[in-house]
C-alpha cells in the first residue's frame, strides 16, 4: 500500500511532470506538513502545492485521489 507522499509523487509524474520536479514538491516543508496532517485537507494540500511549484494539477483528478484521505 502506498502512503500519501508516494501517491502524490505518482500523481504528479502521471500528470506529465518530471520525477525531479515531483521530488521537489513532495520534499517541500509546507507540503510535508500537509501530508502528515490527520485528517488530510485536499484543498489545502493543492493550494500549498501550487504555492511551491509550477504544477497545473487538474483539480477534479486531484480531489478524487486525495479526497479519500479525509
C-alpha atoms as a PDB file:
ATOM      1  CA  UNK A   1       0.000   0.000   0.000  1.00  0.00           C
ATOM      2  CA  UNK A   2       1.321   3.426  -0.948  1.00  0.00           C
ATOM      3  CA  UNK A   3       1.450   6.247   1.564  1.00  0.00           C
ATOM      4  CA  UNK A   4       0.275   9.808   0.878  1.00  0.00           C
ATOM      5  CA  UNK A   5       3.617  11.131  -0.371  1.00  0.00           C
ATOM      6  CA  UNK A   6       4.062   8.181  -2.744  1.00  0.00           C
ATOM      7  CA  UNK A   7       0.544   8.713  -4.115  1.00  0.00           C
ATOM      8  CA  UNK A   8       1.280  12.398  -4.604  1.00  0.00           C
ATOM      9  CA  UNK A   9       4.559  11.695  -6.403  1.00  0.00           C
ATOM     10  CA  UNK A  10       2.931   9.160  -8.735  1.00  0.00           C
ATOM     11  CA  UNK A  11       0.064  11.548  -9.385  1.00  0.00           C
ATOM     12  CA  UNK A  12       2.418  14.395 -10.334  1.00  0.00           C
ATOM     13  CA  UNK A  13       4.562  12.212 -12.582  1.00  0.00           C
ATOM     14  CA  UNK A  14       1.437  10.793 -14.205  1.00  0.00           C
ATOM     15  CA  UNK A  15       0.280  14.339 -14.913  1.00  0.00           C
ATOM     16  CA  UNK A  16       3.311  14.824 -17.147  1.00  0.00           C
ATOM     17  CA  UNK A  17       5.728  16.329 -14.653  1.00  0.00           C
ATOM     18  CA  UNK A  18       9.264  15.056 -14.168  1.00  0.00           C
ATOM     19  CA  UNK A  19      10.467  12.837 -11.329  1.00  0.00           C
ATOM     20  CA  UNK A  20      12.867  15.583 -10.250  1.00  0.00           C
ATOM     21  CA  UNK A  21      10.104  18.202 -10.072  1.00  0.00           C
ATOM     22  CA  UNK A  22       7.840  15.813  -8.181  1.00  0.00           C
ATOM     23  CA  UNK A  23      10.641  15.176  -5.639  1.00  0.00           C
ATOM     24  CA  UNK A  24      10.988  18.931  -5.066  1.00  0.00           C
ATOM     25  CA  UNK A  25       7.277  19.303  -4.340  1.00  0.00           C
ATOM     26  CA  UNK A  26       6.989  16.225  -2.113  1.00  0.00           C
ATOM     27  CA  UNK A  27      10.064  17.221  -0.095  1.00  0.00           C
ATOM     28  CA  UNK A  28       8.912  20.821   0.474  1.00  0.00           C
ATOM     29  CA  UNK A  29       8.360  21.650   4.154  1.00  0.00           C
ATOM     30  CA  UNK A  30       4.797  23.002   3.677  1.00  0.00           C
ATOM     31  CA  UNK A  31       3.781  20.019   1.553  1.00  0.00           C
ATOM     32  CA  UNK A  32       5.305  17.562   4.056  1.00  0.00           C
ATOM     33  CA  UNK A  33       3.361  19.204   6.893  1.00  0.00           C
ATOM     34  CA  UNK A  34       0.108  18.887   4.936  1.00  0.00           C
ATOM     35  CA  UNK A  35       0.810  15.266   4.023  1.00  0.00           C
ATOM     36  CA  UNK A  36       1.483  14.455   7.685  1.00  0.00           C
ATOM     37  CA  UNK A  37      -1.709  16.108   8.995  1.00  0.00           C
ATOM     38  CA  UNK A  38      -4.624  13.971  10.134  1.00  0.00           C
ATOM     39  CA  UNK A  39      -7.072  14.248   8.546  1.00  0.00           C
ATOM     40  CA  UNK A  40      -5.649  15.453   5.246  1.00  0.00           C
ATOM     41  CA  UNK A  41      -7.330  18.509   3.714  1.00  0.00           C
ATOM     42  CA  UNK A  42      -7.117  18.040  -0.102  1.00  0.00           C
ATOM     43  CA  UNK A  43      -7.978  21.694  -0.863  1.00  0.00           C
ATOM     44  CA  UNK A  44      -5.251  22.937   1.469  1.00  0.00           C
ATOM     45  CA  UNK A  45      -2.721  20.449   0.058  1.00  0.00           C
ATOM     46  CA  UNK A  46      -3.497  21.541  -3.513  1.00  0.00           C
ATOM     47  CA  UNK A  47      -3.134  25.206  -2.504  1.00  0.00           C
ATOM     48  CA  UNK A  48       0.228  24.508  -0.828  1.00  0.00           C
ATOM     49  CA  UNK A  49       1.497  22.533  -3.832  1.00  0.00           C
ATOM     50  CA  UNK A  50       0.651  25.390  -6.152  1.00  0.00           C
ATOM     51  CA  UNK A  51       2.472  27.846  -3.871  1.00  0.00           C
ATOM     52  CA  UNK A  52       5.734  25.863  -4.014  1.00  0.00           C
ATOM     53  CA  UNK A  53       5.665  24.759  -7.656  1.00  0.00           C
ATOM     54  CA  UNK A  54       4.644  25.469 -11.220  1.00  0.00           C
ATOM     55  CA  UNK A  55       2.327  22.468 -11.293  1.00  0.00           C
ATOM     56  CA  UNK A  56      -1.017  22.859 -13.023  1.00  0.00           C
ATOM     57  CA  UNK A  57      -2.658  19.952 -11.280  1.00  0.00           C
ATOM     58  CA  UNK A  58      -6.126  19.038 -12.616  1.00  0.00           C
ATOM     59  CA  UNK A  59      -8.366  19.732  -9.614  1.00  0.00           C
ATOM     60  CA  UNK A  60     -11.031  17.132 -10.305  1.00  0.00           C
ATOM     61  CA  UNK A  61      -8.479  14.308 -10.564  1.00  0.00           C
ATOM     62  CA  UNK A  62      -6.591  15.560  -7.524  1.00  0.00           C
ATOM     63  CA  UNK A  63      -9.695  15.762  -5.327  1.00  0.00           C
ATOM     64  CA  UNK A  64     -10.806  12.332  -6.499  1.00  0.00           C
ATOM     65  CA  UNK A  65      -7.476  10.798  -5.447  1.00  0.00           C
ATOM     66  CA  UNK A  66      -6.857  12.669  -2.196  1.00  0.00           C
ATOM     67  CA  UNK A  67     -10.494  13.080  -1.132  1.00  0.00           C
ATOM     68  CA  UNK A  68     -10.400   9.570   0.324  1.00  0.00           C
ATOM     69  CA  UNK A  69      -7.733  10.624   2.860  1.00  0.00           C
ATOM     70  CA  UNK A  70     -10.124  12.884   4.811  1.00  0.00           C
END
